[in-house]
Amino acid sequence: MWATIALSLCLSLPHGCGLLKTFEDGSEAFEYRDIYLPGNSGEAGKAIGLHNLDAEWGIWGHNLFKILPKDHSHAIYAKVDGRVNTEQFCFSSDQLYHYVEEYISDNYGSNETKRFAILPNDNHVVCQCEQCIAAGCSYNDVAPAVFSFLERLANRFPNHIFFTSYYLTTRSLPTHALPENTGVLFSAIHYYLCARQTTREDEFKEQLAQWSRVTQHVYVWDYICNFDDYFSPYPTLEIMQRRFRIYKEAGVRGVFCNGSGYDYSTFCRLRSHVLAELMKNPDANWRKILHEKCRELYPVTGNIIEQFMGNQEDNLFASAKKLPIYEGVAVSRNTYLVEADIVALHDKLQRLLPQTKGEEQTDISKACKALCMTMLEFKRLRGDISGVRPLLHELQSITADGVRIYSESFWSVDTYVQEYTAMVEYAEANSKHNLLRGKQLTALTALDPDYKDLSILTDGLPALPHNYHCGHLISSADPWLRIAIPNVSGMKHLRVGMTRNLQFHIALPLRITLSAGGKEIATTQPQQKEGVDGRATVEFDIPANTEGTLILTIVRNKEEKTMALDEIEGW
């Protein structure tokens, strides 16, 4: 994905000509600067030198479907294997062009300058009709038809600027220079975030150079959030300064930093202020800017926040690792998240909160509540559920501030608190009876790189069904995952938990076999229980004469990418 579930289609606010002038006179690095974090729309964004997608774009993101008339023709859709596929458009369709042309003409006319994103829907479907094939499209590349569509609009509306994307099915270059009023939104999704130079950097620079030779409007779509965890503080200052410098040197004219959108993320206002200055001048000292902005925005708590954020940036640089954009605390703790630092930050901010006022008080109150989720995850990862109820209560209170989700996938705070509470209650009721709690399991087949800790399967804590980062062992084993389980004295039954979440291509295993001493004890097929959201269990009886280590063989459903094991219990 472009890491953007809720980007909007916006209509007719005025163009930021003053911001464009600062680029043309050479005083700032980019003609278009947008940071997609809360509070950056309208006058607040302009005050720190930002553009805003709501004001600048007549069509934004993957939103062509929003401009269609209610009773539109199916002639606009892709044809695949001789059938109409409404998940994607046909960019050779005259009817689709007519709808777009009519929308622009009716809402913007021909005189005012607006930007329009003409992007395929966010999937891998490519139209295979005769016209698209004749235009040069292939099974996985629709770019030639999109370029023709783009040029047609550019010639029709010479005062507007039309962009396509470099992403998924539009990854080939045009065969000739595009009109002056066209451009590309270049997704940096494959140029992963790292505070140091990477092996992909030269390749990325060359791709930008290639696009700069065919269009003067190269805009980079970059990423500044962990989209599965808006609440854990996220270090991007060192990384983004390095990237902004690269973009400027490559002739990039615009940068869109995709963050949590209109949803809260920790220290989002401070991050916007610092990144906005770096977008104006990538050679500025981010530490000096951070120092100044902390004192400007947080007169009471600024010193504490500056020290914490600086330490996070140092941790990330020292690790020299890829910064995850779709991960939970279990992975983030290996790059930049330090439990002791999070706990200390939370406690210090809480003590100073009564001394704060106005926007500082609002920001710090939300930050304290959001940090509770990070602390809860650290405790869960250690199998420690002592003292979690006050943290759950504090986290829950953030919903009274209008903060209801903590991820791009709309994972809700309410659901997290409910499932975490249920996990705690289950563990308190069953821990004494679980003979496998704390026992060491052994993987007999390869584990996925970020999921090598088998202890989460015997920590006595059920996983949270709605968040696959919370207590699951994710596996893409092919064809099966095999795990050795100690045959504990007195154990007569074995229960294996798992989660199904087809939104993330996580399926139940096809079957699970329990064996010992080379002999099969039983095989069963997991079934989704009615009324149980996402979770399933299978149980095995262990014969009294069973000797040797127990072996679980879990066969993956290859129609989906992965499977997710939950708790393994014995009694």
Protein backbone atom coordinates (compact mmCIF):
# COMPACT_ATOMS: atom_id res chain seq x y z
CA MET A 1 0.00 0.00 0.00
CA TRP A 2 0.96 3.65 -0.18
CA ALA A 3 0.53 3.62 3.55
CA THR A 4 -2.53 5.79 3.28
CA ILE A 5 -5.99 4.46 3.98
CA ALA A 6 -7.85 7.74 4.35
CA LEU A 7 -6.38 10.27 1.94
CA SER A 8 -9.19 12.53 0.86
CA LEU A 9 -10.44 13.93 -2.41
CA CYS A 10 -10.54 17.69 -1.96
CA LEU A 11 -12.01 20.47 -4.01
CA SER A 12 -11.41 24.19 -4.25
CA LEU A 13 -9.29 25.98 -1.67
CA PRO A 14 -6.83 28.63 -2.98
CA HIS A 15 -3.44 27.69 -4.46
CA GLY A 16 -0.37 28.41 -2.29
CA CYS A 17 1.30 30.80 -4.73
CA GLY A 18 3.30 32.49 -1.96
CA LEU A 19 4.98 29.21 -1.06
CA LEU A 20 5.76 28.52 -4.71
CA LYS A 21 7.49 31.91 -5.04
CA THR A 22 9.98 30.99 -2.31
CA PHE A 23 11.05 28.01 -4.41
CA GLU A 24 11.35 30.00 -7.61
CA ASP A 25 13.56 32.65 -5.99
CA GLY A 26 15.86 29.92 -4.65
CA SER A 27 15.27 30.61 -0.97
CA GLU A 28 13.70 27.18 -0.32
CA ALA A 29 14.45 23.68 -1.55
CA PHE A 30 11.10 22.48 -2.91
CA GLU A 31 8.13 24.03 -4.67
CA TYR A 32 5.72 21.69 -2.89
CA ARG A 33 6.12 20.70 0.77
CA ASP A 34 3.44 18.68 2.52
CA ILE A 35 3.53 16.85 5.87
CA TYR A 36 0.49 14.64 6.39
CA LEU A 37 0.14 14.94 10.15
CA PRO A 38 -2.63 16.44 12.33
CA GLY A 39 -2.89 20.21 12.50
CA ASN A 40 -1.19 21.01 9.20
CA SER A 41 -4.26 22.04 7.22
CA GLY A 42 -5.37 25.62 6.65
CA GLU A 43 -3.58 28.53 8.30
CA ALA A 44 -1.66 26.36 10.78
CA GLY A 45 0.16 24.59 7.95
CA LYS A 46 0.80 27.80 6.03
CA ALA A 47 2.28 29.38 9.16
CA ILE A 48 5.11 26.83 9.14
CA GLY A 49 5.55 26.93 5.36
CA LEU A 50 3.59 23.87 4.31
CA HIS A 51 1.24 23.13 1.46
CA ASN A 52 -1.74 20.90 2.09
CA LEU A 53 -3.31 18.26 -0.09
CA ASP A 54 -6.81 19.49 0.69
CA ALA A 55 -5.95 22.92 -0.72
CA GLU A 56 -3.62 22.03 -3.56
CA TRP A 57 -5.11 19.05 -5.33
CA GLY A 58 -8.30 18.73 -7.33
CA ILE A 59 -7.83 14.93 -7.26
CA TRP A 60 -5.48 13.33 -4.78
CA GLY A 61 -4.21 9.80 -4.23
CA HIS A 62 -6.11 6.77 -5.51
CA ASN A 63 -9.36 8.69 -5.70
CA LEU A 64 -10.56 8.67 -9.30
CA PHE A 65 -13.57 6.67 -8.18
CA LYS A 66 -14.79 9.63 -6.12
CA ILE A 67 -15.37 11.86 -9.13
CA LEU A 68 -17.52 9.38 -11.05
CA PRO A 69 -21.21 10.14 -11.59
CA LYS A 70 -23.56 7.88 -9.66
CA ASP A 71 -24.79 6.01 -12.74
CA HIS A 72 -21.45 5.73 -14.51
CA SER A 73 -20.73 3.35 -17.37
CA HIS A 74 -18.90 0.07 -16.78
CA ALA A 75 -16.89 0.85 -19.91
CA ILE A 76 -14.43 2.65 -17.64
CA TYR A 77 -13.28 -0.53 -15.91
CA ALA A 78 -10.43 -2.92 -16.66
CA LYS A 79 -10.95 -6.06 -18.70
CA VAL A 80 -9.07 -9.10 -17.44
CA ASP A 81 -9.46 -12.58 -18.92
CA GLY A 82 -12.36 -11.29 -20.98
CA ARG A 83 -14.29 -10.05 -17.94
CA VAL A 84 -14.90 -6.61 -16.48
CA ASN A 85 -12.93 -6.05 -13.27
CA THR A 86 -14.38 -3.14 -11.29
CA GLU A 87 -11.35 -3.06 -8.95
CA GLN A 88 -9.36 -1.22 -11.61
CA PHE A 89 -9.81 1.30 -14.43
CA CYS A 90 -9.14 1.07 -18.14
CA PHE A 91 -7.02 4.08 -19.01
CA SER A 92 -7.73 3.63 -22.71
CA SER A 93 -11.42 4.26 -22.03
CA ASP A 94 -12.82 7.37 -23.71
CA GLN A 95 -15.67 7.28 -21.20
CA LEU A 96 -13.27 7.48 -18.25
CA TYR A 97 -11.51 10.41 -19.90
CA HIS A 98 -14.84 12.13 -20.44
CA TYR A 99 -15.78 11.80 -16.75
CA VAL A 100 -12.43 13.26 -15.63
CA GLU A 101 -12.53 16.05 -18.18
CA GLU A 102 -16.08 16.97 -17.20
CA TYR A 103 -15.24 16.96 -13.51
CA ILE A 104 -12.24 19.28 -13.97
CA SER A 105 -14.12 21.60 -16.30
CA ASP A 106 -17.15 21.88 -14.03
CA ASN A 107 -15.23 22.36 -10.76
CA TYR A 108 -12.06 24.21 -11.76
CA GLY A 109 -12.38 25.50 -15.31
CA SER A 110 -9.27 26.17 -17.39
CA ASN A 111 -7.67 29.22 -15.81
CA GLU A 112 -6.80 28.39 -12.20
CA THR A 113 -3.78 26.17 -11.59
CA LYS A 114 -4.54 22.95 -9.72
CA ARG A 115 -2.73 19.65 -9.31
CA PHE A 116 -4.50 16.40 -10.22
CA ALA A 117 -3.36 12.86 -9.41
CA ILE A 118 -4.32 10.38 -12.13
CA LEU A 119 -3.45 7.09 -10.47
CA PRO A 120 -4.64 3.51 -10.90
CA ASN A 121 -6.40 2.02 -7.90
CA ASP A 122 -4.07 0.67 -5.22
CA ASN A 123 -3.74 -2.93 -6.46
CA HIS A 124 -1.91 -5.03 -9.06
CA VAL A 125 -4.75 -5.35 -11.60
CA VAL A 126 -3.91 -4.20 -15.16
CA CYS A 127 -6.44 -3.88 -17.98
CA GLN A 128 -5.83 -6.37 -20.80
CA CYS A 129 -8.22 -4.91 -23.40
CA GLU A 130 -7.06 -4.53 -27.01
CA GLN A 131 -6.52 -0.78 -26.72
CA CYS A 132 -4.36 -1.07 -23.60
CA ILE A 133 -2.28 -3.88 -25.10
CA ALA A 134 -1.87 -1.84 -28.29
CA ALA A 135 -0.73 1.14 -26.20
CA GLY A 136 2.10 -0.99 -24.84
CA CYS A 137 0.68 -2.22 -21.54
CA SER A 138 1.71 -5.64 -20.27
CA TYR A 139 0.28 -8.04 -17.72
CA ASN A 140 1.78 -6.05 -14.83
CA ASP A 141 2.39 -2.59 -16.31
CA VAL A 142 -0.33 -0.08 -17.18
CA ALA A 143 2.00 2.93 -17.43
CA PRO A 144 1.82 3.44 -21.25
CA ALA A 145 -1.98 3.85 -21.19
CA VAL A 146 -1.75 6.12 -18.15
CA PHE A 147 0.85 8.33 -19.86
CA SER A 148 -1.44 8.74 -22.88
CA PHE A 149 -4.35 9.59 -20.58
CA LEU A 150 -2.17 12.10 -18.73
CA GLU A 151 -0.97 13.82 -21.91
CA ARG A 152 -4.49 14.06 -23.20
CA LEU A 153 -5.56 15.92 -20.06
CA ALA A 154 -2.42 18.07 -20.07
CA ASN A 155 -3.15 19.27 -23.61
CA ARG A 156 -6.80 19.90 -22.77
CA PHE A 157 -6.02 21.92 -19.58
CA PRO A 158 -2.63 23.62 -20.08
CA ASN A 159 -2.85 25.61 -16.83
CA HIS A 160 -3.34 22.59 -14.59
CA ILE A 161 -0.62 20.07 -13.60
CA PHE A 162 -1.34 16.34 -13.95
CA PHE A 163 0.57 13.66 -12.05
CA THR A 164 0.74 9.92 -12.30
CA SER A 165 2.64 7.64 -9.93
CA TYR A 166 5.79 5.58 -9.88
CA TYR A 167 4.29 2.68 -7.94
CA LEU A 168 3.02 -0.90 -8.34
CA THR A 169 1.69 -1.05 -11.93
CA THR A 170 3.16 2.27 -13.13
CA ARG A 171 6.87 1.58 -12.79
CA SER A 172 8.08 2.03 -16.36
CA LEU A 173 9.38 5.30 -17.79
CA PRO A 174 7.67 7.06 -20.70
CA THR A 175 9.43 6.69 -24.04
CA HIS A 176 9.55 10.46 -24.54
CA ALA A 177 9.50 13.66 -22.50
CA LEU A 178 6.10 14.43 -21.03
CA PRO A 179 4.37 17.83 -21.43
CA GLU A 180 5.55 20.62 -19.12
CA ASN A 181 2.37 20.48 -17.05
CA THR A 182 2.72 16.81 -16.07
CA GLY A 183 4.62 15.15 -13.28
CA VAL A 184 5.19 12.01 -11.26
CA LEU A 185 4.49 11.09 -7.64
CA PHE A 186 7.49 8.87 -7.00
CA SER A 187 6.82 6.42 -4.16
CA ALA A 188 9.87 5.90 -1.96
CA ILE A 189 8.39 2.72 -0.46
CA HIS A 190 11.29 0.59 -1.78
CA TYR A 191 13.94 3.06 -0.61
CA TYR A 192 13.64 1.95 2.98
CA LEU A 193 14.18 4.34 5.86
CA CYS A 194 17.69 4.22 7.31
CA ALA A 195 19.79 6.86 9.04
CA ARG A 196 22.88 5.83 7.08
CA GLN A 197 23.73 5.31 3.43
CA THR A 198 22.29 2.07 2.06
CA THR A 199 22.99 -0.12 -0.94
CA ARG A 200 19.74 1.09 -2.52
CA GLU A 201 20.68 4.76 -2.40
CA ASP A 202 22.56 4.88 -5.73
CA GLU A 203 19.76 2.98 -7.47
CA PHE A 204 17.21 5.38 -6.02
CA LYS A 205 19.19 8.44 -7.16
CA GLU A 206 19.43 7.03 -10.67
CA GLN A 207 15.68 6.42 -10.81
CA LEU A 208 15.04 10.02 -9.77
CA ALA A 209 17.51 11.22 -12.41
CA GLN A 210 15.74 9.17 -15.08
CA TRP A 211 12.38 10.69 -14.20
CA SER A 212 13.87 14.19 -14.10
CA ARG A 213 14.83 13.74 -17.75
CA VAL A 214 11.21 13.17 -18.82
CA THR A 215 9.34 15.56 -16.51
CA GLN A 216 10.25 18.69 -14.57
CA HIS A 217 7.70 17.96 -11.82
CA VAL A 218 9.16 15.05 -9.84
CA TYR A 219 7.51 14.83 -6.42
CA VAL A 220 8.57 12.18 -3.90
CA TRP A 221 5.94 10.44 -1.76
CA ASP A 222 7.82 9.51 1.42
CA TYR A 223 6.94 8.00 4.81
CA ILE A 224 7.38 9.35 8.35
CA CYS A 225 5.27 7.01 10.52
CA ASN A 226 5.06 3.49 11.76
CA PHE A 227 1.63 2.91 10.25
CA ASP A 228 0.83 0.04 12.61
CA ASP A 229 1.76 2.05 15.72
CA TYR A 230 1.01 5.77 15.81
CA PHE A 231 1.56 5.96 19.59
CA SER A 232 5.20 4.91 20.03
CA PRO A 233 7.51 7.90 19.40
CA TYR A 234 9.14 7.56 15.99
CA PRO A 235 12.59 9.00 15.07
CA THR A 236 12.81 10.39 11.52
CA LEU A 237 14.73 13.67 11.78
CA GLU A 238 18.20 12.36 10.86
CA ILE A 239 16.72 10.11 8.20
CA MET A 240 14.54 12.74 6.55
CA GLN A 241 17.27 15.36 6.50
CA ARG A 242 19.46 12.92 4.59
CA ARG A 243 16.64 12.15 2.17
CA PHE A 244 15.69 15.80 1.65
CA ARG A 245 19.31 16.51 0.67
CA ILE A 246 19.24 13.67 -1.82
CA TYR A 247 15.96 14.89 -3.28
CA LYS A 248 17.21 18.43 -3.67
CA GLU A 249 20.42 17.28 -5.39
CA ALA A 250 18.38 15.06 -7.73
CA GLY A 251 16.18 17.96 -8.87
CA VAL A 252 13.06 16.82 -7.05
CA ARG A 253 10.59 19.71 -6.86
CA GLY A 254 8.11 18.47 -4.29
CA VAL A 255 7.94 16.19 -1.24
CA PHE A 256 4.88 14.69 0.40
CA CYS A 257 5.68 13.19 3.82
CA ASN A 258 2.98 10.66 4.54
CA GLY A 259 2.23 10.34 8.23
CA SER A 260 -0.77 9.59 10.38
CA GLY A 261 -2.99 11.98 8.43
CA TYR A 262 -5.71 13.49 10.58
CA ASP A 263 -5.22 10.86 13.29
CA TYR A 264 -3.13 11.56 16.36
CA SER A 265 0.47 10.36 16.57
CA THR A 266 2.80 11.13 19.46
CA PHE A 267 4.58 14.52 19.23
CA CYS A 268 3.05 15.11 15.80
CA ARG A 269 2.99 18.91 16.19
CA LEU A 270 6.65 19.09 17.17
CA ARG A 271 7.70 16.75 14.37
CA SER A 272 5.79 18.85 11.82
CA HIS A 273 7.55 22.03 12.93
CA VAL A 274 11.04 20.50 12.72
CA LEU A 275 10.48 18.67 9.43
CA ALA A 276 8.93 21.78 7.88
CA GLU A 277 12.16 23.69 8.53
CA LEU A 278 14.26 20.88 7.05
CA MET A 279 12.07 20.84 3.93
CA LYS A 280 12.87 24.51 3.44
CA ASN A 281 16.58 24.01 4.02
CA PRO A 282 17.84 20.39 4.11
CA ASP A 283 21.30 21.61 5.16
CA ALA A 284 20.05 23.12 8.41
CA ASN A 285 21.07 21.57 11.74
CA TRP A 286 18.11 19.48 12.88
CA ARG A 287 19.37 19.34 16.46
CA LYS A 288 19.40 23.14 16.66
CA ILE A 289 15.93 23.30 15.13
CA LEU A 290 14.68 20.67 17.59
CA HIS A 291 16.17 22.67 20.48
CA GLU A 292 14.45 25.87 19.34
CA LYS A 293 11.08 24.24 18.62
CA CYS A 294 11.02 22.37 21.93
CA ARG A 295 11.41 25.65 23.79
CA GLU A 296 8.91 27.41 21.58
CA LEU A 297 6.18 24.75 21.78
CA TYR A 298 6.93 23.23 25.20
CA PRO A 299 8.30 25.81 27.66
CA VAL A 300 7.79 23.44 30.63
CA THR A 301 8.58 20.01 29.17
CA GLY A 302 10.82 20.94 26.22
CA ASN A 303 14.14 19.92 27.80
CA ILE A 304 12.85 16.43 28.57
CA ILE A 305 11.36 15.92 25.10
CA GLU A 306 14.46 17.24 23.33
CA GLN A 307 16.71 14.87 25.26
CA PHE A 308 14.42 11.90 24.61
CA MET A 309 14.08 12.58 20.88
CA GLY A 310 17.82 13.15 20.50
CA ASN A 311 18.52 9.84 22.24
CA GLN A 312 16.06 8.04 19.97
CA GLU A 313 17.76 9.47 16.89
CA ASP A 314 21.14 8.38 18.26
CA ASN A 315 19.83 4.86 18.96
CA LEU A 316 18.58 4.53 15.42
CA PHE A 317 21.81 5.82 13.89
CA ALA A 318 23.89 3.49 16.05
CA SER A 319 21.80 0.47 15.05
CA ALA A 320 22.29 1.20 11.32
CA LYS A 321 19.11 -0.82 10.79
CA LYS A 322 16.08 -0.32 8.61
CA LEU A 323 13.39 1.75 10.32
CA PRO A 324 10.15 -0.28 10.25
CA ILE A 325 6.97 1.35 8.93
CA TYR A 326 4.61 -1.58 9.55
CA GLU A 327 5.67 -3.22 12.80
CA GLY A 328 4.85 -3.55 16.47
CA VAL A 329 6.95 -2.95 19.57
CA ALA A 330 8.54 -6.42 19.32
CA VAL A 331 10.43 -5.32 16.20
CA SER A 332 10.78 -1.61 17.02
CA ARG A 333 12.64 -2.41 20.24
CA ASN A 334 15.46 -3.79 18.07
CA THR A 335 16.01 -0.45 16.37
CA TYR A 336 15.01 2.59 18.42
CA LEU A 337 12.53 1.84 21.23
CA VAL A 338 14.06 1.46 24.70
CA GLU A 339 11.64 0.47 27.46
CA ALA A 340 13.44 2.32 30.26
CA ASP A 341 13.48 5.53 28.22
CA ILE A 342 9.75 5.27 27.44
CA VAL A 343 8.85 4.67 31.09
CA ALA A 344 11.09 7.55 32.25
CA LEU A 345 9.62 9.90 29.64
CA HIS A 346 6.07 9.02 30.65
CA ASP A 347 6.77 9.52 34.36
CA LYS A 348 8.60 12.84 33.89
CA LEU A 349 5.91 14.26 31.63
CA GLN A 350 3.19 13.20 34.03
CA ARG A 351 4.90 14.98 36.93
CA LEU A 352 5.24 18.21 34.92
CA LEU A 353 1.78 18.08 33.34
CA PRO A 354 0.09 20.19 36.07
CA GLN A 355 2.53 23.03 35.32
CA THR A 356 1.69 23.18 31.60
CA LYS A 357 -0.90 25.35 29.89
CA GLY A 358 -2.71 25.67 26.56
CA GLU A 359 -1.43 23.65 23.61
CA GLU A 360 1.49 22.30 25.61
CA GLN A 361 -0.89 20.84 28.17
CA THR A 362 -3.04 19.30 25.41
CA ASP A 363 -0.02 17.76 23.68
CA ILE A 364 1.63 16.42 26.83
CA SER A 365 -1.63 14.98 28.18
CA LYS A 366 -2.17 13.02 24.96
CA ALA A 367 1.47 11.92 24.84
CA CYS A 368 1.32 10.51 28.37
CA LYS A 369 -1.79 8.50 27.53
CA ALA A 370 -0.41 7.24 24.22
CA LEU A 371 2.87 6.15 25.80
CA CYS A 372 0.86 3.77 27.99
CA MET A 373 0.27 1.54 24.97
CA THR A 374 4.01 1.26 24.34
CA MET A 375 4.61 0.42 28.01
CA LEU A 376 1.81 -2.16 27.96
CA GLU A 377 3.39 -3.83 24.95
CA PHE A 378 6.80 -3.99 26.61
CA LYS A 379 5.20 -5.62 29.65
CA ARG A 380 3.29 -8.10 27.48
CA LEU A 381 6.48 -9.04 25.64
CA ARG A 382 8.10 -9.85 29.01
CA GLY A 383 5.08 -11.86 30.12
CA ASP A 384 4.57 -9.38 32.96
CA ILE A 385 0.98 -8.34 33.64
CA SER A 386 1.54 -6.86 37.08
CA GLY A 387 0.30 -3.30 37.48
CA VAL A 388 -1.24 -3.06 33.99
CA ARG A 389 -4.74 -1.94 34.97
CA PRO A 390 -3.79 1.69 35.77
CA LEU A 391 -1.99 1.86 32.42
CA LEU A 392 -5.03 0.45 30.63
CA HIS A 393 -7.25 3.02 32.36
CA GLU A 394 -4.92 5.89 31.40
CA LEU A 395 -4.71 4.67 27.81
CA GLN A 396 -8.49 4.33 27.59
CA SER A 397 -8.87 7.97 28.64
CA ILE A 398 -7.29 9.17 25.40
CA THR A 399 -10.58 8.43 23.65
CA ALA A 400 -12.14 11.34 25.60
CA ASP A 401 -9.69 13.56 23.67
CA GLY A 402 -11.15 12.34 20.38
CA VAL A 403 -8.28 9.89 19.74
CA ARG A 404 -9.88 6.57 18.84
CA ILE A 405 -7.45 4.71 16.53
CA TYR A 406 -3.74 4.01 16.69
CA SER A 407 -2.95 2.64 13.22
CA GLU A 408 -3.60 3.10 9.53
CA SER A 409 -5.70 -0.06 9.63
CA PHE A 410 -8.15 1.61 12.02
CA TRP A 411 -7.18 -0.56 14.98
CA SER A 412 -9.07 1.07 17.83
CA VAL A 413 -7.94 1.99 21.33
CA ASP A 414 -11.19 0.60 22.74
CA THR A 415 -10.63 -2.81 21.13
CA TYR A 416 -7.01 -2.92 22.27
CA VAL A 417 -7.99 -2.17 25.87
CA GLN A 418 -10.82 -4.72 25.81
CA GLU A 419 -8.63 -7.49 24.36
CA TYR A 420 -5.69 -6.71 26.63
CA THR A 421 -8.00 -6.79 29.65
CA ALA A 422 -9.42 -10.14 28.51
CA MET A 423 -5.86 -11.45 28.09
CA VAL A 424 -4.99 -10.45 31.65
CA GLU A 425 -8.15 -12.02 33.09
CA TYR A 426 -7.54 -15.27 31.17
CA ALA A 427 -3.92 -15.44 32.35
CA GLU A 428 -4.89 -14.81 35.97
CA ALA A 429 -7.51 -17.57 35.84
CA ASN A 430 -5.49 -20.21 33.96
CA SER A 431 -1.79 -19.71 34.68
CA LYS A 432 -1.73 -22.19 37.56
CA HIS A 433 -3.22 -24.95 35.41
CA ASN A 434 -1.03 -24.48 32.31
CA LEU A 435 1.79 -27.04 32.53
CA LEU A 436 3.57 -25.54 29.48
CA ARG A 437 3.75 -22.02 30.82
CA GLY A 438 7.36 -20.85 30.64
CA LYS A 439 8.55 -24.07 28.98
CA GLN A 440 11.01 -23.83 26.11
CA LEU A 441 9.87 -24.86 22.64
CA THR A 442 12.20 -25.69 19.75
CA ALA A 443 11.68 -24.86 16.09
CA LEU A 444 12.50 -27.77 13.78
CA THR A 445 11.93 -25.73 10.62
CA ALA A 446 12.97 -22.19 9.70
CA LEU A 447 11.21 -19.27 11.40
CA ASP A 448 10.40 -15.92 9.77
CA PRO A 449 13.09 -13.24 10.36
CA ASP A 450 11.02 -11.01 12.67
CA TYR A 451 9.28 -13.92 14.44
CA LYS A 452 11.95 -16.12 16.00
CA ASP A 453 10.87 -15.87 19.63
CA LEU A 454 8.92 -19.03 20.45
CA SER A 455 8.55 -17.99 24.09
CA ILE A 456 5.44 -15.95 23.17
CA LEU A 457 3.66 -19.29 22.60
CA THR A 458 4.18 -20.43 26.18
CA ASP A 459 4.07 -17.16 28.13
CA GLY A 460 0.53 -17.84 29.33
CA LEU A 461 -0.80 -14.74 27.57
CA PRO A 462 -3.25 -15.21 24.68
CA ALA A 463 -2.60 -12.99 21.66
CA LEU A 464 -4.81 -9.99 20.89
CA PRO A 465 -6.98 -11.12 17.96
CA HIS A 466 -7.25 -7.76 16.15
CA ASN A 467 -3.54 -6.88 16.16
CA TYR A 468 -1.25 -9.49 14.68
CA HIS A 469 1.79 -7.83 16.31
CA CYS A 470 0.49 -8.61 19.79
CA GLY A 471 1.46 -12.13 20.83
CA HIS A 472 1.33 -14.03 17.55
CA LEU A 473 4.02 -16.11 15.95
CA ILE A 474 3.65 -15.23 12.27
CA SER A 475 4.93 -17.88 9.89
CA SER A 476 5.20 -18.20 6.13
CA ALA A 477 6.70 -21.68 6.44
CA ASP A 478 6.49 -23.75 3.26
CA PRO A 479 4.96 -26.29 3.38
CA TRP A 480 4.82 -26.59 7.17
CA LEU A 481 6.13 -25.35 10.48
CA ARG A 482 7.35 -28.01 12.92
CA ILE A 483 7.76 -27.32 16.65
CA ALA A 484 9.09 -29.62 19.37
CA ILE A 485 7.21 -29.46 22.70
CA PRO A 486 8.48 -30.99 25.95
CA ASN A 487 6.36 -33.90 27.16
CA VAL A 488 5.77 -32.60 30.67
CA SER A 489 4.98 -35.15 33.35
CA GLY A 490 1.25 -35.37 34.02
CA MET A 491 0.21 -33.54 30.86
CA LYS A 492 -2.81 -35.22 29.27
CA HIS A 493 -4.10 -32.55 26.88
CA LEU A 494 -2.62 -30.01 24.45
CA ARG A 495 -4.34 -26.89 23.14
CA VAL A 496 -3.03 -24.84 20.19
CA GLY A 497 -4.42 -21.38 19.51
CA MET A 498 -4.26 -19.47 16.24
CA THR A 499 -5.69 -16.38 14.55
CA ARG A 500 -7.29 -15.79 11.17
CA ASN A 501 -7.19 -12.31 9.59
CA LEU A 502 -7.75 -12.33 5.85
CA GLN A 503 -7.35 -8.54 5.63
CA PHE A 504 -3.64 -9.18 6.21
CA HIS A 505 -3.60 -12.52 4.34
CA ILE A 506 -3.33 -14.54 7.56
CA ALA A 507 -5.20 -17.83 7.22
CA LEU A 508 -5.82 -20.76 9.54
CA PRO A 509 -3.52 -23.74 8.92
CA LEU A 510 -4.86 -26.43 6.61
CA ARG A 511 -4.22 -29.08 9.27
CA ILE A 512 -2.20 -29.72 12.40
CA THR A 513 -0.64 -33.06 13.33
CA LEU A 514 0.65 -34.10 16.75
CA SER A 515 3.19 -36.92 16.89
CA ALA A 516 5.76 -38.42 19.25
CA GLY A 517 8.51 -40.98 18.78
CA GLY A 518 7.90 -40.99 15.03
CA LYS A 519 4.27 -42.01 15.48
CA GLU A 520 1.24 -39.87 14.71
CA ILE A 521 -1.07 -39.26 17.65
CA ALA A 522 -3.77 -37.28 15.82
CA THR A 523 -4.43 -34.88 12.94
CA THR A 524 -7.07 -32.17 12.98
CA GLN A 525 -8.27 -29.35 10.76
CA PRO A 526 -8.73 -25.96 12.48
CA GLN A 527 -12.17 -24.44 12.14
CA GLN A 528 -13.35 -20.89 12.77
CA LYS A 529 -15.87 -20.94 15.62
CA GLU A 530 -19.13 -19.05 15.25
CA GLY A 531 -19.12 -15.84 17.24
CA VAL A 532 -15.35 -15.95 17.89
CA ASP A 533 -13.69 -13.03 16.13
CA GLY A 534 -10.57 -14.25 14.36
CA ARG A 535 -9.49 -16.87 16.88
CA ALA A 536 -9.54 -20.65 16.65
CA THR A 537 -8.17 -23.50 18.78
CA VAL A 538 -7.49 -27.21 18.33
CA GLU A 539 -7.06 -29.72 21.15
CA PHE A 540 -5.26 -33.06 21.37
CA ASP A 541 -5.51 -35.85 23.93
CA ILE A 542 -2.09 -37.25 24.82
CA PRO A 543 -2.16 -41.03 25.39
CA ALA A 544 -0.84 -42.17 28.77
CA ASN A 545 1.93 -44.30 27.21
CA THR A 546 3.31 -41.47 25.03
CA GLU A 547 7.09 -41.23 25.23
CA GLY A 548 9.55 -38.69 23.91
CA THR A 549 9.19 -35.12 22.71
CA LEU A 550 5.90 -34.03 21.20
CA ILE A 551 6.09 -32.73 17.64
CA LEU A 552 3.54 -30.32 16.15
CA THR A 553 3.42 -30.12 12.36
CA ILE A 554 1.39 -27.10 11.21
CA VAL A 555 0.61 -27.11 7.47
CA ARG A 556 0.18 -23.64 5.99
CA ASN A 557 -2.65 -22.68 3.64
CA LYS A 558 -0.65 -21.50 0.62
CA GLU A 559 -3.55 -19.46 -0.73
CA GLU A 560 -2.66 -16.83 1.87
CA LYS A 561 0.74 -15.41 2.79
CA THR A 562 1.03 -16.47 6.39
CA MET A 563 -0.48 -18.13 9.43
CA ALA A 564 -0.43 -16.87 13.02
CA LEU A 565 -0.01 -19.16 16.03
CA ASP A 566 -1.26 -17.99 19.41
CA GLU A 567 -0.75 -19.76 22.74
CA ILE A 568 0.22 -23.43 23.18
CA GLU A 569 -1.06 -24.79 26.50
CA GLY A 570 -0.89 -28.12 28.29
CA TRP A 571 -2.87 -29.48 31.22
